[in-house]
Amino acid sequence: MADTNIYRASRRVFRIVFNCVSQAVEGALMDLPTVNTCAVVVVGDEGQDKQLVAYVVPENGATKRNIRDALKSKLPFYMIPSYFVILNR
């Protein structure tokens, strides 16, 4: 019974951490002049590795590489999204 409670509590903590990380990444993206709007989500099945995916509407023809490089100076490496999806307005 105690093991089940620990498992549930740890899953809850991971959700909170991933939520905080995705919000921090969204904030860093929105601070960039090359980003109009964005959303960051955590993807991955339960029990599998999780990855961040950033959906971005760029400004002035910014590319995935421009955005990724700008984030590298603002965030630690583990907070850089694994994938960037560029969306049109």
N, C-alpha and C. Protein backbone atom coordinates (compact mmCIF):
# COMPACT_ATOMS: atom_id res chain seq x y z
N MET A 1 0.81 -1.19 0.00
CA MET A 1 0.00 0.00 0.00
C MET A 1 0.86 1.26 0.00
N ALA A 2 1.91 1.27 0.80
CA ALA A 2 2.78 2.44 0.87
C ALA A 2 3.48 2.68 -0.47
N ASP A 3 3.88 1.60 -1.14
CA ASP A 3 4.54 1.74 -2.45
C ASP A 3 3.62 2.41 -3.46
N THR A 4 2.35 2.07 -3.42
CA THR A 4 1.37 2.67 -4.33
C THR A 4 1.25 4.16 -4.07
N ASN A 5 1.21 4.55 -2.81
CA ASN A 5 1.11 5.97 -2.46
C ASN A 5 2.34 6.74 -2.89
N ILE A 6 3.50 6.14 -2.73
CA ILE A 6 4.74 6.80 -3.16
C ILE A 6 4.74 6.96 -4.67
N TYR A 7 4.31 5.93 -5.39
CA TYR A 7 4.25 5.99 -6.85
C TYR A 7 3.32 7.11 -7.31
N ARG A 8 2.14 7.19 -6.71
CA ARG A 8 1.19 8.24 -7.08
C ARG A 8 1.74 9.63 -6.77
N ALA A 9 2.36 9.77 -5.62
CA ALA A 9 2.93 11.06 -5.24
C ALA A 9 4.05 11.46 -6.19
N SER A 10 4.89 10.51 -6.59
CA SER A 10 6.00 10.84 -7.49
C SER A 10 5.47 11.24 -8.87
N ARG A 11 4.39 10.59 -9.33
CA ARG A 11 3.79 10.98 -10.62
C ARG A 11 3.26 12.40 -10.54
N ARG A 12 2.66 12.75 -9.43
CA ARG A 12 2.12 14.10 -9.24
C ARG A 12 3.25 15.13 -9.25
N VAL A 13 4.34 14.81 -8.60
CA VAL A 13 5.49 15.72 -8.57
C VAL A 13 6.04 15.92 -9.97
N PHE A 14 6.17 14.84 -10.73
CA PHE A 14 6.67 14.97 -12.09
C PHE A 14 5.77 15.85 -12.94
N ARG A 15 4.46 15.71 -12.79
CA ARG A 15 3.53 16.58 -13.55
C ARG A 15 3.74 18.04 -13.19
N ILE A 16 3.90 18.32 -11.92
CA ILE A 16 4.12 19.70 -11.48
C ILE A 16 5.42 20.24 -12.05
N VAL A 17 6.48 19.44 -11.99
CA VAL A 17 7.78 19.88 -12.51
C VAL A 17 7.70 20.14 -14.00
N PHE A 18 7.11 19.22 -14.76
CA PHE A 18 7.02 19.42 -16.21
C PHE A 18 6.16 20.63 -16.55
N ASN A 19 5.12 20.87 -15.78
CA ASN A 19 4.28 22.04 -16.00
C ASN A 19 5.08 23.32 -15.77
N CYS A 20 5.86 23.36 -14.71
CA CYS A 20 6.69 24.53 -14.42
C CYS A 20 7.75 24.75 -15.49
N VAL A 21 8.36 23.66 -15.94
CA VAL A 21 9.39 23.77 -16.99
C VAL A 21 8.78 24.29 -18.27
N SER A 22 7.63 23.75 -18.68
CA SER A 22 7.03 24.20 -19.93
C SER A 22 6.63 25.67 -19.85
N GLN A 23 6.16 26.11 -18.69
CA GLN A 23 5.82 27.53 -18.52
C GLN A 23 7.06 28.41 -18.59
N ALA A 24 8.16 27.95 -18.01
CA ALA A 24 9.40 28.73 -18.06
C ALA A 24 9.92 28.83 -19.49
N VAL A 25 9.82 27.75 -20.24
CA VAL A 25 10.27 27.77 -21.63
C VAL A 25 9.38 28.69 -22.47
N GLU A 26 8.08 28.63 -22.24
CA GLU A 26 7.16 29.54 -22.95
C GLU A 26 7.51 30.99 -22.64
N GLY A 27 7.79 31.29 -21.39
CA GLY A 27 8.17 32.66 -21.02
C GLY A 27 9.43 33.11 -21.72
N ALA A 28 10.43 32.22 -21.78
CA ALA A 28 11.69 32.57 -22.46
C ALA A 28 11.46 32.77 -23.95
N LEU A 29 10.61 31.93 -24.54
CA LEU A 29 10.30 32.09 -25.97
C LEU A 29 9.58 33.42 -26.23
N MET A 30 8.64 33.75 -25.38
CA MET A 30 7.87 34.98 -25.59
C MET A 30 8.73 36.23 -25.39
N ASP A 31 9.83 36.11 -24.67
CA ASP A 31 10.76 37.23 -24.50
C ASP A 31 11.60 37.48 -25.74
N LEU A 32 11.64 36.52 -26.66
CA LEU A 32 12.44 36.68 -27.87
C LEU A 32 11.70 37.57 -28.87
N PRO A 33 12.42 38.50 -29.48
CA PRO A 33 11.77 39.37 -30.48
C PRO A 33 11.38 38.61 -31.76
N THR A 34 11.91 37.41 -31.93
CA THR A 34 11.61 36.62 -33.14
C THR A 34 10.38 35.73 -32.98
N VAL A 35 9.72 35.80 -31.82
CA VAL A 35 8.56 34.94 -31.56
C VAL A 35 7.32 35.80 -31.34
N ASN A 36 6.27 35.53 -32.12
CA ASN A 36 5.01 36.23 -31.97
C ASN A 36 4.19 35.59 -30.86
N THR A 37 4.00 34.28 -30.93
CA THR A 37 3.30 33.54 -29.89
C THR A 37 3.79 32.10 -29.90
N CYS A 38 3.52 31.38 -28.81
CA CYS A 38 4.02 30.01 -28.72
C CYS A 38 3.24 29.20 -27.69
N ALA A 39 3.45 27.91 -27.75
CA ALA A 39 2.95 26.97 -26.74
C ALA A 39 3.98 25.87 -26.62
N VAL A 40 4.23 25.43 -25.40
CA VAL A 40 5.19 24.35 -25.16
C VAL A 40 4.45 23.22 -24.45
N VAL A 41 4.59 22.01 -24.98
CA VAL A 41 3.95 20.85 -24.38
C VAL A 41 4.98 19.76 -24.09
N VAL A 42 4.64 18.93 -23.13
CA VAL A 42 5.47 17.78 -22.80
C VAL A 42 4.84 16.56 -23.45
N VAL A 43 5.64 15.82 -24.23
CA VAL A 43 5.14 14.61 -24.89
C VAL A 43 5.93 13.40 -24.40
N GLY A 44 5.28 12.26 -24.40
CA GLY A 44 5.91 11.02 -23.98
C GLY A 44 4.93 10.19 -23.18
N ASP A 45 4.93 8.92 -23.43
CA ASP A 45 4.05 8.00 -22.72
C ASP A 45 4.51 7.82 -21.28
N GLU A 46 3.58 7.42 -20.44
CA GLU A 46 3.91 7.17 -19.04
C GLU A 46 4.98 6.08 -18.96
N GLY A 47 5.98 6.35 -18.15
CA GLY A 47 7.08 5.40 -18.01
C GLY A 47 8.17 5.56 -19.05
N GLN A 48 7.98 6.47 -19.99
CA GLN A 48 8.96 6.72 -21.05
C GLN A 48 9.59 8.09 -20.83
N ASP A 49 10.67 8.34 -21.56
CA ASP A 49 11.29 9.66 -21.49
C ASP A 49 10.31 10.71 -22.01
N LYS A 50 10.36 11.88 -21.42
CA LYS A 50 9.52 12.99 -21.84
C LYS A 50 10.36 13.97 -22.64
N GLN A 51 9.71 14.64 -23.58
CA GLN A 51 10.39 15.64 -24.40
C GLN A 51 9.52 16.88 -24.51
N LEU A 52 10.18 18.02 -24.63
CA LEU A 52 9.46 19.27 -24.82
C LEU A 52 9.31 19.54 -26.31
N VAL A 53 8.12 19.97 -26.70
CA VAL A 53 7.86 20.37 -28.08
C VAL A 53 7.33 21.80 -28.04
N ALA A 54 7.95 22.69 -28.81
CA ALA A 54 7.54 24.08 -28.87
C ALA A 54 6.83 24.35 -30.19
N TYR A 55 5.61 24.85 -30.10
CA TYR A 55 4.85 25.28 -31.27
C TYR A 55 4.98 26.80 -31.32
N VAL A 56 5.56 27.31 -32.40
CA VAL A 56 5.94 28.72 -32.46
C VAL A 56 5.38 29.39 -33.71
N VAL A 57 4.84 30.60 -33.52
CA VAL A 57 4.51 31.48 -34.63
C VAL A 57 5.61 32.53 -34.64
N PRO A 58 6.51 32.47 -35.64
CA PRO A 58 7.67 33.36 -35.64
C PRO A 58 7.36 34.76 -36.18
N GLU A 59 8.26 35.67 -35.89
CA GLU A 59 8.21 37.03 -36.43
C GLU A 59 9.35 37.20 -37.42
N ASN A 60 9.12 37.98 -38.44
CA ASN A 60 10.17 38.39 -39.38
C ASN A 60 10.96 37.23 -39.98
N GLY A 61 10.28 36.12 -40.28
CA GLY A 61 10.94 35.01 -40.96
C GLY A 61 11.96 34.26 -40.13
N ALA A 62 11.81 34.26 -38.82
CA ALA A 62 12.75 33.53 -37.95
C ALA A 62 12.67 32.04 -38.25
N THR A 63 13.79 31.37 -38.11
CA THR A 63 13.86 29.93 -38.36
C THR A 63 13.99 29.17 -37.04
N LYS A 64 13.83 27.85 -37.12
CA LYS A 64 14.00 27.02 -35.93
C LYS A 64 15.38 27.21 -35.33
N ARG A 65 16.37 27.29 -36.19
CA ARG A 65 17.75 27.45 -35.72
C ARG A 65 17.93 28.77 -34.99
N ASN A 66 17.38 29.88 -35.54
CA ASN A 66 17.47 31.18 -34.87
C ASN A 66 16.87 31.12 -33.47
N ILE A 67 15.70 30.52 -33.40
CA ILE A 67 14.99 30.46 -32.12
C ILE A 67 15.73 29.58 -31.13
N ARG A 68 16.18 28.41 -31.58
CA ARG A 68 16.93 27.50 -30.70
C ARG A 68 18.21 28.15 -30.19
N ASP A 69 18.95 28.82 -31.08
CA ASP A 69 20.19 29.48 -30.68
C ASP A 69 19.94 30.58 -29.66
N ALA A 70 18.86 31.33 -29.85
CA ALA A 70 18.54 32.41 -28.89
C ALA A 70 18.17 31.82 -27.53
N LEU A 71 17.47 30.70 -27.53
CA LEU A 71 17.09 30.07 -26.26
C LEU A 71 18.31 29.52 -25.51
N LYS A 72 19.31 29.08 -26.25
CA LYS A 72 20.50 28.51 -25.61
C LYS A 72 21.20 29.51 -24.70
N SER A 73 21.05 30.80 -24.99
CA SER A 73 21.68 31.81 -24.14
C SER A 73 20.80 32.18 -22.94
N LYS A 74 19.54 31.70 -22.94
CA LYS A 74 18.61 32.05 -21.86
C LYS A 74 18.29 30.89 -20.92
N LEU A 75 18.40 29.66 -21.42
CA LEU A 75 17.95 28.50 -20.64
C LEU A 75 19.05 27.44 -20.55
N PRO A 76 19.01 26.61 -19.50
CA PRO A 76 19.93 25.47 -19.45
C PRO A 76 19.59 24.46 -20.56
N PHE A 77 20.55 23.65 -20.93
CA PHE A 77 20.39 22.75 -22.08
C PHE A 77 19.19 21.82 -21.92
N TYR A 78 18.90 21.37 -20.71
CA TYR A 78 17.81 20.41 -20.53
C TYR A 78 16.43 21.05 -20.69
N MET A 79 16.36 22.37 -20.77
CA MET A 79 15.09 23.05 -20.96
C MET A 79 14.86 23.48 -22.40
N ILE A 80 15.82 23.22 -23.28
CA ILE A 80 15.65 23.53 -24.70
C ILE A 80 14.74 22.46 -25.31
N PRO A 81 13.64 22.87 -25.95
CA PRO A 81 12.75 21.87 -26.54
C PRO A 81 13.48 20.96 -27.54
N SER A 82 13.07 19.71 -27.56
CA SER A 82 13.64 18.74 -28.51
C SER A 82 13.18 19.02 -29.92
N TYR A 83 11.96 19.52 -30.03
CA TYR A 83 11.38 19.78 -31.35
C TYR A 83 10.75 21.17 -31.38
N PHE A 84 10.87 21.82 -32.52
CA PHE A 84 10.20 23.10 -32.76
C PHE A 84 9.29 22.92 -33.97
N VAL A 85 8.04 23.28 -33.81
CA VAL A 85 7.09 23.23 -34.91
C VAL A 85 6.74 24.67 -35.25
N ILE A 86 7.11 25.09 -36.45
CA ILE A 86 6.84 26.46 -36.90
C ILE A 86 5.44 26.50 -37.51
N LEU A 87 4.63 27.40 -37.02
CA LEU A 87 3.25 27.54 -37.47
C LEU A 87 3.09 28.86 -38.22
N ASN A 88 2.24 28.87 -39.23
CA ASN A 88 1.89 30.10 -39.92
C ASN A 88 0.74 30.77 -39.17
N ARG A 89 0.62 32.06 -39.36
CA ARG A 89 -0.47 32.78 -38.68
C ARG A 89 -1.79 32.37 -39.20
